[in-house]
Amino acid sequence: MKDTLCGTKAMWRKDYELLAANRAYFGDFDPFGDFDLLFGAAKLNLKIVDLPIRYRERTYGTTNIRRWKHGWILLSMVLFAANRIKFV
């Protein structure tokens, strides 16, 4: 998975319902919403496909992502999930 925060996720309703039923397994501290979907899908052994996207320079506005602050949050979520899924 190269870009977990790209914002686009798709799944079948039945898979989402399974994921939602097991949501408590990883807790509810994900401020981005992607953690729950990606790691929940991995726990349920669902197929995950990473499709490349192309970024272009913004024509308006600024990003809401703060590199260091959100980076630490993402790292802690990955470590938490790795421990739960037993990657480590």
N, C-alpha and C. Protein backbone atom coordinates (compact mmCIF):
# COMPACT_ATOMS: atom_id res chain seq x y z
N MET A 1 0.86 -1.16 0.00
CA MET A 1 0.00 0.00 0.00
C MET A 1 0.91 1.23 0.00
N LYS A 2 0.80 2.02 -1.02
CA LYS A 2 1.68 3.17 -1.15
C LYS A 2 1.08 4.45 -0.57
N ASP A 3 -0.21 4.65 -0.72
CA ASP A 3 -0.82 5.89 -0.25
C ASP A 3 -2.14 5.57 0.44
N THR A 4 -2.09 5.36 1.74
CA THR A 4 -3.29 4.96 2.46
C THR A 4 -4.28 6.10 2.65
N LEU A 5 -3.82 7.32 2.48
CA LEU A 5 -4.70 8.47 2.73
C LEU A 5 -5.21 9.12 1.45
N CYS A 6 -5.20 8.39 0.34
CA CYS A 6 -5.63 9.00 -0.92
C CYS A 6 -7.11 9.34 -0.89
N GLY A 7 -7.87 8.73 -0.01
CA GLY A 7 -9.26 9.13 0.17
C GLY A 7 -10.28 8.28 -0.55
N THR A 8 -9.89 7.38 -1.42
CA THR A 8 -10.86 6.58 -2.15
C THR A 8 -10.72 5.12 -1.75
N LYS A 9 -11.78 4.58 -1.20
CA LYS A 9 -11.84 3.17 -0.83
C LYS A 9 -13.17 2.63 -1.34
N ALA A 10 -13.18 1.40 -1.79
CA ALA A 10 -14.42 0.79 -2.26
C ALA A 10 -14.48 -0.65 -1.78
N MET A 11 -15.68 -1.08 -1.39
CA MET A 11 -15.86 -2.47 -0.98
C MET A 11 -17.32 -2.84 -1.10
N TRP A 12 -17.56 -4.13 -1.11
CA TRP A 12 -18.93 -4.62 -1.18
C TRP A 12 -19.61 -4.37 0.16
N ARG A 13 -20.91 -4.15 0.12
CA ARG A 13 -21.68 -3.88 1.33
C ARG A 13 -21.53 -5.01 2.35
N LYS A 14 -21.59 -6.25 1.91
CA LYS A 14 -21.48 -7.38 2.84
C LYS A 14 -20.12 -7.39 3.54
N ASP A 15 -19.07 -7.00 2.83
CA ASP A 15 -17.75 -6.93 3.44
C ASP A 15 -17.67 -5.78 4.44
N TYR A 16 -18.27 -4.65 4.10
CA TYR A 16 -18.28 -3.52 5.03
C TYR A 16 -19.05 -3.87 6.30
N GLU A 17 -20.16 -4.58 6.16
CA GLU A 17 -20.94 -4.97 7.33
C GLU A 17 -20.14 -5.89 8.24
N LEU A 18 -19.37 -6.81 7.65
CA LEU A 18 -18.47 -7.66 8.45
C LEU A 18 -17.42 -6.82 9.16
N LEU A 19 -16.86 -5.89 8.43
CA LEU A 19 -15.84 -5.01 8.98
C LEU A 19 -16.42 -4.18 10.13
N ALA A 20 -17.59 -3.62 9.92
CA ALA A 20 -18.23 -2.79 10.95
C ALA A 20 -18.56 -3.60 12.20
N ALA A 21 -18.94 -4.86 12.01
CA ALA A 21 -19.27 -5.72 13.15
C ALA A 21 -18.02 -6.02 13.99
N ASN A 22 -16.84 -5.96 13.38
CA ASN A 22 -15.58 -6.24 14.09
C ASN A 22 -14.79 -4.98 14.40
N ARG A 23 -15.41 -3.84 14.30
CA ARG A 23 -14.72 -2.55 14.45
C ARG A 23 -14.04 -2.39 15.81
N ALA A 24 -14.59 -2.93 16.85
CA ALA A 24 -14.04 -2.77 18.19
C ALA A 24 -12.66 -3.41 18.33
N TYR A 25 -12.31 -4.32 17.45
CA TYR A 25 -11.04 -5.03 17.54
C TYR A 25 -9.85 -4.07 17.50
N PHE A 26 -9.92 -3.04 16.66
CA PHE A 26 -8.83 -2.08 16.53
C PHE A 26 -9.09 -0.78 17.29
N GLY A 27 -10.24 -0.64 17.91
CA GLY A 27 -10.55 0.60 18.62
C GLY A 27 -11.09 1.65 17.67
N ASP A 28 -11.36 2.81 18.21
CA ASP A 28 -11.98 3.86 17.39
C ASP A 28 -11.19 5.17 17.47
N PHE A 29 -9.87 5.08 17.41
CA PHE A 29 -9.05 6.29 17.51
C PHE A 29 -8.50 6.76 16.17
N ASP A 30 -9.06 6.27 15.09
CA ASP A 30 -8.56 6.63 13.76
C ASP A 30 -9.15 7.96 13.30
N PRO A 31 -8.37 9.04 13.29
CA PRO A 31 -8.91 10.33 12.85
C PRO A 31 -9.09 10.43 11.34
N PHE A 32 -8.51 9.50 10.59
CA PHE A 32 -8.55 9.57 9.14
C PHE A 32 -9.62 8.66 8.54
N GLY A 33 -9.98 7.57 9.21
CA GLY A 33 -10.99 6.65 8.72
C GLY A 33 -10.43 5.54 7.85
N ASP A 34 -9.20 5.67 7.40
CA ASP A 34 -8.60 4.66 6.53
C ASP A 34 -8.06 3.47 7.30
N PHE A 35 -7.57 3.72 8.50
CA PHE A 35 -7.01 2.68 9.35
C PHE A 35 -8.04 1.58 9.56
N ASP A 36 -9.22 1.97 9.93
CA ASP A 36 -10.31 1.04 10.19
C ASP A 36 -10.61 0.18 8.97
N LEU A 37 -10.66 0.79 7.81
CA LEU A 37 -10.98 0.04 6.59
C LEU A 37 -9.85 -0.88 6.15
N LEU A 38 -8.64 -0.38 6.10
CA LEU A 38 -7.52 -1.17 5.59
C LEU A 38 -7.13 -2.32 6.52
N PHE A 39 -6.95 -2.03 7.80
CA PHE A 39 -6.56 -3.08 8.72
C PHE A 39 -7.71 -4.02 9.02
N GLY A 40 -8.93 -3.50 9.01
CA GLY A 40 -10.10 -4.37 9.17
C GLY A 40 -10.21 -5.34 8.01
N ALA A 41 -9.97 -4.86 6.80
CA ALA A 41 -10.00 -5.73 5.62
C ALA A 41 -8.89 -6.77 5.68
N ALA A 42 -7.71 -6.36 6.15
CA ALA A 42 -6.60 -7.31 6.27
C ALA A 42 -6.93 -8.39 7.30
N LYS A 43 -7.54 -8.00 8.42
CA LYS A 43 -7.90 -8.96 9.46
C LYS A 43 -8.92 -9.97 8.93
N LEU A 44 -9.83 -9.52 8.07
CA LEU A 44 -10.86 -10.40 7.52
C LEU A 44 -10.38 -11.15 6.27
N ASN A 45 -9.10 -10.99 5.94
CA ASN A 45 -8.50 -11.64 4.75
C ASN A 45 -9.20 -11.26 3.46
N LEU A 46 -9.63 -10.02 3.37
CA LEU A 46 -10.24 -9.53 2.13
C LEU A 46 -9.13 -9.13 1.17
N LYS A 47 -9.39 -9.24 -0.10
CA LYS A 47 -8.41 -8.85 -1.10
C LYS A 47 -8.31 -7.32 -1.15
N ILE A 48 -7.09 -6.81 -1.07
CA ILE A 48 -6.85 -5.38 -1.13
C ILE A 48 -6.03 -5.09 -2.38
N VAL A 49 -6.53 -4.19 -3.20
CA VAL A 49 -5.84 -3.82 -4.43
C VAL A 49 -5.42 -2.36 -4.33
N ASP A 50 -4.16 -2.10 -4.61
CA ASP A 50 -3.64 -0.73 -4.57
C ASP A 50 -3.56 -0.22 -6.01
N LEU A 51 -4.43 0.72 -6.33
CA LEU A 51 -4.42 1.31 -7.66
C LEU A 51 -3.66 2.63 -7.62
N PRO A 52 -2.72 2.84 -8.52
CA PRO A 52 -1.95 4.09 -8.49
C PRO A 52 -2.82 5.28 -8.88
N ILE A 53 -2.53 6.39 -8.24
CA ILE A 53 -3.19 7.64 -8.59
C ILE A 53 -2.12 8.66 -8.93
N ARG A 54 -2.48 9.66 -9.69
CA ARG A 54 -1.52 10.70 -10.06
C ARG A 54 -1.91 11.99 -9.36
N TYR A 55 -0.91 12.59 -8.75
CA TYR A 55 -1.13 13.87 -8.07
C TYR A 55 -0.68 15.00 -8.97
N ARG A 56 -1.37 16.09 -8.87
CA ARG A 56 -0.98 17.31 -9.57
C ARG A 56 -0.91 18.42 -8.55
N GLU A 57 -0.22 19.46 -8.90
CA GLU A 57 -0.11 20.61 -8.03
C GLU A 57 -1.51 21.18 -7.77
N ARG A 58 -1.75 21.57 -6.54
CA ARG A 58 -3.05 22.17 -6.19
C ARG A 58 -3.27 23.46 -6.95
N THR A 59 -4.49 23.65 -7.38
CA THR A 59 -4.84 24.91 -8.05
C THR A 59 -5.50 25.87 -7.07
N TYR A 60 -5.89 25.37 -5.90
CA TYR A 60 -6.50 26.21 -4.87
C TYR A 60 -6.35 25.52 -3.51
N GLY A 61 -6.47 26.28 -2.44
CA GLY A 61 -6.48 25.75 -1.09
C GLY A 61 -5.14 25.21 -0.62
N THR A 62 -5.15 24.72 0.61
CA THR A 62 -3.96 24.12 1.20
C THR A 62 -4.33 22.79 1.83
N THR A 63 -3.34 21.96 2.05
CA THR A 63 -3.58 20.65 2.64
C THR A 63 -3.95 20.78 4.11
N ASN A 64 -4.72 19.85 4.61
CA ASN A 64 -5.06 19.80 6.03
C ASN A 64 -4.17 18.81 6.77
N ILE A 65 -3.31 18.12 6.05
CA ILE A 65 -2.43 17.13 6.67
C ILE A 65 -1.18 17.83 7.20
N ARG A 66 -0.87 17.56 8.45
CA ARG A 66 0.34 18.08 9.09
C ARG A 66 1.35 16.95 9.14
N ARG A 67 2.44 17.10 8.43
CA ARG A 67 3.40 16.00 8.26
C ARG A 67 3.81 15.33 9.56
N TRP A 68 4.32 16.08 10.50
CA TRP A 68 4.86 15.48 11.72
C TRP A 68 3.77 15.01 12.66
N LYS A 69 2.80 15.84 12.92
CA LYS A 69 1.73 15.48 13.85
C LYS A 69 0.96 14.26 13.35
N HIS A 70 0.49 14.30 12.13
CA HIS A 70 -0.28 13.19 11.58
C HIS A 70 0.62 11.99 11.28
N GLY A 71 1.87 12.25 10.96
CA GLY A 71 2.81 11.15 10.73
C GLY A 71 2.99 10.29 11.97
N TRP A 72 3.11 10.94 13.13
CA TRP A 72 3.24 10.18 14.39
C TRP A 72 1.96 9.42 14.70
N ILE A 73 0.83 10.02 14.43
CA ILE A 73 -0.45 9.32 14.65
C ILE A 73 -0.52 8.09 13.74
N LEU A 74 -0.18 8.26 12.47
CA LEU A 74 -0.20 7.12 11.55
C LEU A 74 0.76 6.02 11.98
N LEU A 75 1.95 6.40 12.39
CA LEU A 75 2.93 5.41 12.84
C LEU A 75 2.41 4.64 14.05
N SER A 76 1.80 5.34 15.00
CA SER A 76 1.27 4.65 16.18
C SER A 76 0.13 3.71 15.80
N MET A 77 -0.70 4.11 14.83
CA MET A 77 -1.79 3.24 14.39
C MET A 77 -1.25 1.99 13.70
N VAL A 78 -0.21 2.15 12.90
CA VAL A 78 0.39 1.00 12.21
C VAL A 78 1.00 0.03 13.22
N LEU A 79 1.71 0.54 14.20
CA LEU A 79 2.32 -0.32 15.22
C LEU A 79 1.25 -1.03 16.03
N PHE A 80 0.19 -0.33 16.38
CA PHE A 80 -0.91 -0.94 17.11
C PHE A 80 -1.53 -2.08 16.30
N ALA A 81 -1.80 -1.80 15.02
CA ALA A 81 -2.41 -2.82 14.16
C ALA A 81 -1.47 -3.99 13.93
N ALA A 82 -0.19 -3.71 13.75
CA ALA A 82 0.79 -4.78 13.53
C ALA A 82 0.80 -5.72 14.73
N ASN A 83 0.68 -5.17 15.91
CA ASN A 83 0.64 -5.99 17.11
C ASN A 83 -0.64 -6.81 17.17
N ARG A 84 -1.76 -6.21 16.77
CA ARG A 84 -3.05 -6.92 16.78
C ARG A 84 -3.13 -8.01 15.71
N ILE A 85 -2.59 -7.70 14.52
CA ILE A 85 -2.64 -8.68 13.42
C ILE A 85 -1.49 -9.67 13.52
N LYS A 86 -0.51 -9.35 14.33
CA LYS A 86 0.66 -10.20 14.55
C LYS A 86 1.62 -10.16 13.39
N PHE A 87 1.81 -8.96 12.80
CA PHE A 87 2.83 -8.79 11.76
C PHE A 87 4.21 -8.93 12.37
N VAL A 88 4.32 -8.50 13.63
CA VAL A 88 5.62 -8.42 14.27
C VAL A 88 5.93 -9.72 14.98
